[in-house]
Amino acid sequence: MPGARGEATIQAGEREVHILFTNRALADAEAQIGKSIIGIAQGFAEGTTGVGDIAHLLRAGMEAARRDARAGGKVVTLNDAFQVLDEAGFTAVSVAVMEAVSAVLSFTGDEVPNAGAGSG
């Protein structure tokens, strides 16, 4: 689906964990954390973004990916996110999460999927 989307895969032990961020997923995370996504991103530079912030973002991204895949199952919990953090490590999770978040925040609408496809 075109639009403001950021996706990544995190290797957590023997499994791959898919995350997806959209504006809706980011708004969900903001509501849970009580901070804006811009504030969280700036917090990396200022040293004020912590493990809890990343865990909440990760949970929102995992839940959005679960819904998008229409895989069913139970809602992703914060404990599920902490388990991934424990298995994959803070750095690997932070990089994947923030790169996916950045894709959403930097989306301009100018991206045209399959440009030139179907011609000729």
Protein backbone atom coordinates (compact mmCIF):
# COMPACT_ATOMS: atom_id res chain seq x y z
CA MET A 1 0.00 0.00 0.00
CA PRO A 2 1.49 3.35 -0.97
CA GLY A 3 1.75 6.17 1.50
CA ALA A 4 3.67 7.07 4.61
CA ARG A 5 5.00 3.70 5.71
CA GLY A 6 8.22 2.54 7.32
CA GLU A 7 8.98 -1.14 7.68
CA ALA A 8 11.84 -3.18 9.13
CA THR A 9 12.68 -6.67 10.30
CA ILE A 10 14.47 -7.33 13.57
CA GLN A 11 16.34 -10.58 14.21
CA ALA A 12 15.40 -11.64 17.74
CA GLY A 13 17.00 -14.95 18.57
CA GLU A 14 15.74 -17.54 16.11
CA ARG A 15 12.82 -15.45 14.85
CA GLU A 16 12.29 -12.44 12.67
CA VAL A 17 10.08 -9.71 14.07
CA HIS A 18 8.41 -7.44 11.54
CA ILE A 19 7.58 -3.86 12.41
CA LEU A 20 5.50 -1.35 10.51
CA PHE A 21 5.01 2.33 11.16
CA THR A 22 2.33 4.53 9.69
CA ASN A 23 1.03 7.86 10.94
CA ARG A 24 -1.65 5.96 12.86
CA ALA A 25 0.94 3.68 14.52
CA LEU A 26 3.04 6.70 15.48
CA ALA A 27 0.01 8.46 16.96
CA ASP A 28 -0.74 5.30 18.97
CA ALA A 29 2.82 5.28 20.30
CA GLU A 30 2.68 8.99 21.14
CA ALA A 31 -0.50 8.43 23.15
CA GLN A 32 1.10 5.56 25.07
CA ILE A 33 4.38 7.38 25.74
CA GLY A 34 3.00 10.85 26.36
CA LYS A 35 5.62 12.46 24.11
CA SER A 36 5.58 13.51 20.47
CA ILE A 37 7.49 11.39 17.98
CA ILE A 38 9.60 14.44 17.15
CA GLY A 39 10.45 14.80 20.84
CA ILE A 40 11.43 11.15 21.02
CA ALA A 41 13.65 11.47 17.94
CA GLN A 42 15.29 14.61 19.35
CA GLY A 43 15.74 12.77 22.62
CA PHE A 44 18.32 10.50 21.01
CA ALA A 45 20.57 13.49 20.38
CA GLU A 46 19.86 14.96 23.81
CA GLY A 47 20.09 11.69 25.74
CA THR A 48 16.51 11.85 27.03
CA THR A 49 15.02 8.97 25.01
CA GLY A 50 15.23 5.73 26.93
CA VAL A 51 14.51 2.04 26.81
CA GLY A 52 10.86 2.56 27.76
CA ASP A 53 10.31 4.92 24.83
CA ILE A 54 11.82 2.42 22.39
CA ALA A 55 9.78 -0.42 23.91
CA HIS A 56 6.55 1.52 23.38
CA LEU A 57 7.50 2.40 19.80
CA LEU A 58 8.47 -1.21 19.14
CA ARG A 59 5.14 -2.45 20.51
CA ALA A 60 3.24 -0.04 18.27
CA GLY A 61 5.28 -1.13 15.23
CA MET A 62 4.83 -4.82 15.99
CA GLU A 63 1.08 -4.38 16.47
CA ALA A 64 0.73 -2.40 13.23
CA ALA A 65 2.63 -5.14 11.36
CA ARG A 66 0.39 -7.82 12.92
CA ARG A 67 -2.75 -5.96 11.85
CA ASP A 68 -1.38 -5.25 8.37
CA ALA A 69 -0.56 -8.93 7.83
CA ARG A 70 -4.06 -9.87 8.99
CA ALA A 71 -2.38 -12.70 10.85
CA GLY A 72 -4.86 -12.72 13.70
CA GLY A 73 -3.59 -13.79 17.08
CA LYS A 74 -3.38 -11.76 20.23
CA VAL A 75 -2.66 -8.06 20.47
CA VAL A 76 1.04 -7.28 20.90
CA THR A 77 1.79 -6.25 24.46
CA LEU A 78 4.54 -4.17 25.99
CA ASN A 79 5.92 -7.39 27.50
CA ASP A 80 6.20 -8.81 23.96
CA ALA A 81 8.21 -5.74 22.96
CA PHE A 82 10.53 -6.07 25.96
CA GLN A 83 11.13 -9.72 25.06
CA VAL A 84 12.28 -8.62 21.59
CA LEU A 85 14.48 -5.95 23.16
CA ASP A 86 16.03 -8.57 25.45
CA GLU A 87 16.66 -10.95 22.54
CA ALA A 88 17.85 -8.46 19.91
CA GLY A 89 19.43 -5.75 22.05
CA PHE A 90 18.72 -2.06 22.45
CA THR A 91 20.97 -0.88 19.62
CA ALA A 92 19.61 -3.23 16.95
CA VAL A 93 16.01 -2.46 17.92
CA SER A 94 16.59 1.30 18.16
CA VAL A 95 18.21 1.47 14.72
CA ALA A 96 15.42 -0.56 13.06
CA VAL A 97 12.65 1.37 14.81
CA MET A 98 14.06 4.83 14.15
CA GLU A 99 14.88 4.10 10.49
CA ALA A 100 11.29 2.91 9.97
CA VAL A 101 9.92 5.92 11.85
CA SER A 102 12.11 8.21 9.75
CA ALA A 103 10.60 6.79 6.57
CA VAL A 104 7.16 7.88 7.76
CA LEU A 105 8.28 11.30 8.95
CA SER A 106 10.17 12.06 5.74
CA PHE A 107 7.39 10.93 3.39
CA THR A 108 6.39 13.80 1.09
CA GLY A 109 3.77 12.20 -1.11
CA ASP A 110 6.01 12.75 -4.11
CA GLU A 111 7.05 9.12 -4.22
CA VAL A 112 5.31 7.39 -7.12
CA PRO A 113 5.26 3.59 -6.84
CA ASN A 114 6.08 1.72 -10.05
CA ALA A 115 6.83 4.90 -11.97
CA GLY A 116 7.02 4.07 -15.63
CA ALA A 117 5.40 0.66 -15.21
CA GLY A 118 2.79 -0.24 -17.75
CA SER A 119 4.09 2.01 -20.48
CA GLY A 120 4.59 0.62 -23.94
